[in-house]
Amino acid sequence: MVEKRTLALTTLAILVWAVSTTSLFGYYYLRLQDYVQLTREYEAITMKVDIFIDYGNETKVWHNNTIVPLGFNLLNTTELVADVNSNNWPGLGVFIDSINGVENNPEDAKSWFWWHWDATSTKWILGEIGADQHILHEEEAVAWTYRSYIEWPPLPPS
């Protein structure tokens, strides 16, 4: 009698374990499918860019694979990775006054310049427009450098 009861309880325990494990697996599989779909939708409206910041004092920081919405400009993107102060120059666009507390300094003739990587020529190109006017593209690399503006053009990122 004890053996039949032990066998019945063991069988019941295994059955409960099998049903609960299968249910949990099913639940998490459905959740995974939801996340896969959400990721696909998210990737359709975002892009990844690389942002380099050279503070001019040997401090250099890369923000690789920064995820931003499609159509974001350089100013918006820089504000995602750093504390930025800027000014709007009518007709010219927005120019950066400081990044993470490093301010343009007329006494040292130092200022913030932005660059973009040209894969065709394999070199950095000095930004031609304000940071708010440069719309970023998928996997684009951009850089901010704090350099002297007495020597023109300033050195590209290194």
C-alpha atoms as a PDB file:
ATOM      1  CA  MET A   1       0.000   0.000   0.000  1.00  0.00           C
ATOM      2  CA  VAL A   2       2.803   2.410   0.876  1.00  0.00           C
ATOM      3  CA  GLU A   3       4.592   1.628  -2.415  1.00  0.00           C
ATOM      4  CA  LYS A   4       1.485   2.386  -4.497  1.00  0.00           C
ATOM      5  CA  ARG A   5       0.955   5.630  -2.616  1.00  0.00           C
ATOM      6  CA  THR A   6       4.633   6.651  -3.056  1.00  0.00           C
ATOM      7  CA  LEU A   7       4.466   5.762  -6.737  1.00  0.00           C
ATOM      8  CA  ALA A   8       1.239   7.750  -7.179  1.00  0.00           C
ATOM      9  CA  LEU A   9       2.658  10.826  -5.377  1.00  0.00           C
ATOM     10  CA  THR A  10       5.894  10.661  -7.350  1.00  0.00           C
ATOM     11  CA  THR A  11       3.972  10.367 -10.617  1.00  0.00           C
ATOM     12  CA  LEU A  12       1.738  13.289  -9.632  1.00  0.00           C
ATOM     13  CA  ALA A  13       4.765  15.413  -8.700  1.00  0.00           C
ATOM     14  CA  ILE A  14       6.444  14.689 -12.041  1.00  0.00           C
ATOM     15  CA  LEU A  15       3.217  15.480 -13.885  1.00  0.00           C
ATOM     16  CA  VAL A  16       2.822  18.805 -12.041  1.00  0.00           C
ATOM     17  CA  TRP A  17       6.467  19.649 -12.740  1.00  0.00           C
ATOM     18  CA  ALA A  18       6.085  18.794 -16.469  1.00  0.00           C
ATOM     19  CA  VAL A  19       2.893  20.851 -16.877  1.00  0.00           C
ATOM     20  CA  SER A  20       4.268  23.881 -15.014  1.00  0.00           C
ATOM     21  CA  THR A  21       7.594  23.771 -16.868  1.00  0.00           C
ATOM     22  CA  THR A  22       5.858  23.510 -20.232  1.00  0.00           C
ATOM     23  CA  SER A  23       3.539  26.395 -19.329  1.00  0.00           C
ATOM     24  CA  LEU A  24       6.453  28.570 -18.238  1.00  0.00           C
ATOM     25  CA  PHE A  25       8.376  27.727 -21.386  1.00  0.00           C
ATOM     26  CA  GLY A  26       5.354  28.649 -23.513  1.00  0.00           C
ATOM     27  CA  TYR A  27       4.865  31.925 -21.667  1.00  0.00           C
ATOM     28  CA  TYR A  28       8.504  32.984 -22.062  1.00  0.00           C
ATOM     29  CA  TYR A  29       8.575  31.888 -25.697  1.00  0.00           C
ATOM     30  CA  LEU A  30       5.575  34.142 -26.436  1.00  0.00           C
ATOM     31  CA  ARG A  31       7.241  37.020 -24.545  1.00  0.00           C
ATOM     32  CA  LEU A  32      10.405  36.488 -26.587  1.00  0.00           C
ATOM     33  CA  GLN A  33       8.394  36.733 -29.807  1.00  0.00           C
ATOM     34  CA  ASP A  34       6.919  40.039 -28.577  1.00  0.00           C
ATOM     35  CA  TYR A  35      10.422  41.384 -27.884  1.00  0.00           C
ATOM     36  CA  VAL A  36      11.708  40.265 -31.288  1.00  0.00           C
ATOM     37  CA  GLN A  37       8.836  42.098 -32.999  1.00  0.00           C
ATOM     38  CA  LEU A  38       9.359  45.197 -30.842  1.00  0.00           C
ATOM     39  CA  THR A  39      13.073  45.183 -31.664  1.00  0.00           C
ATOM     40  CA  ARG A  40      12.327  45.043 -35.401  1.00  0.00           C
ATOM     41  CA  GLU A  41       9.954  48.004 -35.097  1.00  0.00           C
ATOM     42  CA  TYR A  42      12.507  49.930 -33.005  1.00  0.00           C
ATOM     43  CA  GLU A  43      15.339  49.289 -35.474  1.00  0.00           C
ATOM     44  CA  ALA A  44      13.153  50.597 -38.316  1.00  0.00           C
ATOM     45  CA  ILE A  45      12.964  54.051 -36.703  1.00  0.00           C
ATOM     46  CA  THR A  46      16.460  54.349 -35.186  1.00  0.00           C
ATOM     47  CA  MET A  47      20.071  54.312 -36.323  1.00  0.00           C
ATOM     48  CA  LYS A  48      23.502  53.922 -34.769  1.00  0.00           C
ATOM     49  CA  VAL A  49      26.218  56.564 -34.976  1.00  0.00           C
ATOM     50  CA  ASP A  50      29.674  56.998 -33.441  1.00  0.00           C
ATOM     51  CA  ILE A  51      30.581  60.238 -31.664  1.00  0.00           C
ATOM     52  CA  PHE A  52      34.125  61.157 -30.697  1.00  0.00           C
ATOM     53  CA  ILE A  53      34.885  64.007 -28.276  1.00  0.00           C
ATOM     54  CA  ASP A  54      38.447  65.328 -27.936  1.00  0.00           C
ATOM     55  CA  TYR A  55      38.648  67.805 -25.064  1.00  0.00           C
ATOM     56  CA  GLY A  56      42.055  69.133 -26.160  1.00  0.00           C
ATOM     57  CA  ASN A  57      43.745  68.026 -22.940  1.00  0.00           C
ATOM     58  CA  GLU A  58      44.545  64.389 -23.830  1.00  0.00           C
ATOM     59  CA  THR A  59      41.022  63.357 -22.770  1.00  0.00           C
ATOM     60  CA  LYS A  60      39.317  61.622 -25.672  1.00  0.00           C
ATOM     61  CA  VAL A  61      36.020  59.756 -25.465  1.00  0.00           C
ATOM     62  CA  TRP A  62      34.209  57.605 -28.032  1.00  0.00           C
ATOM     63  CA  HIS A  63      30.448  57.050 -27.815  1.00  0.00           C
ATOM     64  CA  ASN A  64      30.189  54.130 -30.222  1.00  0.00           C
ATOM     65  CA  ASN A  65      26.901  52.692 -31.476  1.00  0.00           C
ATOM     66  CA  THR A  66      24.883  55.551 -30.035  1.00  0.00           C
ATOM     67  CA  ILE A  67      21.250  54.845 -30.874  1.00  0.00           C
ATOM     68  CA  VAL A  68      19.316  57.861 -32.108  1.00  0.00           C
ATOM     69  CA  PRO A  69      16.032  58.374 -33.967  1.00  0.00           C
ATOM     70  CA  LEU A  70      16.206  58.624 -37.748  1.00  0.00           C
ATOM     71  CA  GLY A  71      16.584  62.254 -38.824  1.00  0.00           C
ATOM     72  CA  PHE A  72      18.411  63.380 -35.692  1.00  0.00           C
ATOM     73  CA  ASN A  73      20.943  66.133 -36.225  1.00  0.00           C
ATOM     74  CA  LEU A  74      24.416  66.449 -34.742  1.00  0.00           C
ATOM     75  CA  LEU A  75      23.300  68.855 -32.005  1.00  0.00           C
ATOM     76  CA  ASN A  76      20.477  66.540 -30.814  1.00  0.00           C
ATOM     77  CA  THR A  77      22.814  63.567 -30.815  1.00  0.00           C
ATOM     78  CA  THR A  78      25.610  65.370 -28.970  1.00  0.00           C
ATOM     79  CA  GLU A  79      23.100  66.414 -26.314  1.00  0.00           C
ATOM     80  CA  LEU A  80      22.303  62.724 -25.749  1.00  0.00           C
ATOM     81  CA  VAL A  81      25.883  61.878 -24.780  1.00  0.00           C
ATOM     82  CA  ALA A  82      27.111  65.149 -23.233  1.00  0.00           C
ATOM     83  CA  ASP A  83      26.072  68.315 -21.436  1.00  0.00           C
ATOM     84  CA  VAL A  84      26.005  70.907 -24.228  1.00  0.00           C
ATOM     85  CA  ASN A  85      25.605  74.696 -24.212  1.00  0.00           C
ATOM     86  CA  SER A  86      25.028  76.319 -27.583  1.00  0.00           C
ATOM     87  CA  ASN A  87      24.063  79.552 -29.322  1.00  0.00           C
ATOM     88  CA  ASN A  88      21.979  80.124 -32.410  1.00  0.00           C
ATOM     89  CA  TRP A  89      23.661  82.394 -34.925  1.00  0.00           C
ATOM     90  CA  PRO A  90      20.930  83.704 -37.260  1.00  0.00           C
ATOM     91  CA  GLY A  91      21.518  82.491 -40.795  1.00  0.00           C
ATOM     92  CA  LEU A  92      24.403  80.265 -39.741  1.00  0.00           C
ATOM     93  CA  GLY A  93      22.823  77.785 -37.344  1.00  0.00           C
ATOM     94  CA  VAL A  94      23.711  76.571 -33.888  1.00  0.00           C
ATOM     95  CA  PHE A  95      27.296  76.554 -32.701  1.00  0.00           C
ATOM     96  CA  ILE A  96      28.611  74.884 -29.568  1.00  0.00           C
ATOM     97  CA  ASP A  97      29.768  77.059 -26.664  1.00  0.00           C
ATOM     98  CA  SER A  98      30.722  74.218 -24.321  1.00  0.00           C
ATOM     99  CA  ILE A  99      30.688  70.440 -24.014  1.00  0.00           C
ATOM    100  CA  ASN A 100      30.723  68.905 -20.535  1.00  0.00           C
ATOM    101  CA  GLY A 101      31.900  72.193 -19.030  1.00  0.00           C
ATOM    102  CA  VAL A 102      34.778  72.794 -21.470  1.00  0.00           C
ATOM    103  CA  GLU A 103      33.955  76.267 -22.824  1.00  0.00           C
ATOM    104  CA  ASN A 104      35.139  78.147 -25.879  1.00  0.00           C
ATOM    105  CA  ASN A 105      37.982  80.369 -24.714  1.00  0.00           C
ATOM    106  CA  PRO A 106      38.783  83.554 -26.676  1.00  0.00           C
ATOM    107  CA  GLU A 107      41.879  84.178 -24.514  1.00  0.00           C
ATOM    108  CA  ASP A 108      43.452  80.881 -25.634  1.00  0.00           C
ATOM    109  CA  ALA A 109      41.820  81.142 -29.073  1.00  0.00           C
ATOM    110  CA  LYS A 110      40.205  77.740 -28.508  1.00  0.00           C
ATOM    111  CA  SER A 111      36.837  76.643 -29.735  1.00  0.00           C
ATOM    112  CA  TRP A 112      34.761  73.543 -30.482  1.00  0.00           C
ATOM    113  CA  PHE A 113      34.844  72.247 -34.061  1.00  0.00           C
ATOM    114  CA  TRP A 114      32.958  69.320 -35.474  1.00  0.00           C
ATOM    115  CA  TRP A 115      34.080  66.854 -38.104  1.00  0.00           C
ATOM    116  CA  HIS A 116      32.635  63.951 -40.054  1.00  0.00           C
ATOM    117  CA  TRP A 117      34.453  60.906 -41.359  1.00  0.00           C
ATOM    118  CA  ASP A 118      34.576  60.603 -45.153  1.00  0.00           C
ATOM    119  CA  ALA A 119      34.922  56.920 -45.970  1.00  0.00           C
ATOM    120  CA  THR A 120      35.721  57.677 -49.628  1.00  0.00           C
ATOM    121  CA  SER A 121      38.782  59.810 -48.888  1.00  0.00           C
ATOM    122  CA  THR A 122      39.418  58.034 -45.552  1.00  0.00           C
ATOM    123  CA  LYS A 123      39.916  61.273 -43.643  1.00  0.00           C
ATOM    124  CA  TRP A 124      38.119  63.634 -41.327  1.00  0.00           C
ATOM    125  CA  ILE A 125      36.320  66.581 -42.973  1.00  0.00           C
ATOM    126  CA  LEU A 126      35.689  69.807 -41.054  1.00  0.00           C
ATOM    127  CA  GLY A 127      31.967  70.513 -40.598  1.00  0.00           C
ATOM    128  CA  GLU A 128      30.690  73.087 -43.053  1.00  0.00           C
ATOM    129  CA  ILE A 129      27.416  74.027 -41.335  1.00  0.00           C
ATOM    130  CA  GLY A 130      25.976  74.449 -37.849  1.00  0.00           C
ATOM    131  CA  ALA A 131      25.554  71.352 -35.700  1.00  0.00           C
ATOM    132  CA  ASP A 132      21.767  71.672 -35.862  1.00  0.00           C
ATOM    133  CA  GLN A 133      21.808  71.570 -39.669  1.00  0.00           C
ATOM    134  CA  HIS A 134      23.882  68.407 -40.113  1.00  0.00           C
ATOM    135  CA  ILE A 135      21.480  65.442 -40.298  1.00  0.00           C
ATOM    136  CA  LEU A 136      23.209  62.223 -39.314  1.00  0.00           C
ATOM    137  CA  HIS A 137      23.127  58.980 -41.296  1.00  0.00           C
ATOM    138  CA  GLU A 138      23.282  55.331 -40.268  1.00  0.00           C
ATOM    139  CA  GLU A 139      26.739  54.363 -38.933  1.00  0.00           C
ATOM    140  CA  GLU A 140      28.153  57.848 -39.496  1.00  0.00           C
ATOM    141  CA  ALA A 141      31.180  58.848 -37.436  1.00  0.00           C
ATOM    142  CA  VAL A 142      31.367  62.430 -36.189  1.00  0.00           C
ATOM    143  CA  ALA A 143      33.828  64.163 -33.898  1.00  0.00           C
ATOM    144  CA  TRP A 144      34.070  67.216 -31.701  1.00  0.00           C
ATOM    145  CA  THR A 145      37.508  68.696 -31.108  1.00  0.00           C
ATOM    146  CA  TYR A 146      38.511  71.535 -28.824  1.00  0.00           C
ATOM    147  CA  ARG A 147      41.249  73.302 -30.783  1.00  0.00           C
ATOM    148  CA  SER A 148      42.846  76.666 -31.483  1.00  0.00           C
ATOM    149  CA  TYR A 149      41.192  78.644 -34.232  1.00  0.00           C
ATOM    150  CA  ILE A 150      44.272  80.807 -34.846  1.00  0.00           C
ATOM    151  CA  GLU A 151      45.764  78.139 -37.097  1.00  0.00           C
ATOM    152  CA  TRP A 152      43.195  77.445 -39.777  1.00  0.00           C
ATOM    153  CA  PRO A 153      42.004  74.872 -40.327  1.00  0.00           C
ATOM    154  CA  PRO A 154      42.378  73.284 -36.909  1.00  0.00           C
ATOM    155  CA  LEU A 155      43.850  69.810 -36.705  1.00  0.00           C
ATOM    156  CA  PRO A 156      41.517  66.903 -37.489  1.00  0.00           C
ATOM    157  CA  PRO A 157      40.712  64.367 -34.774  1.00  0.00           C
ATOM    158  CA  SER A 158      43.503  62.015 -33.872  1.00  0.00           C
END
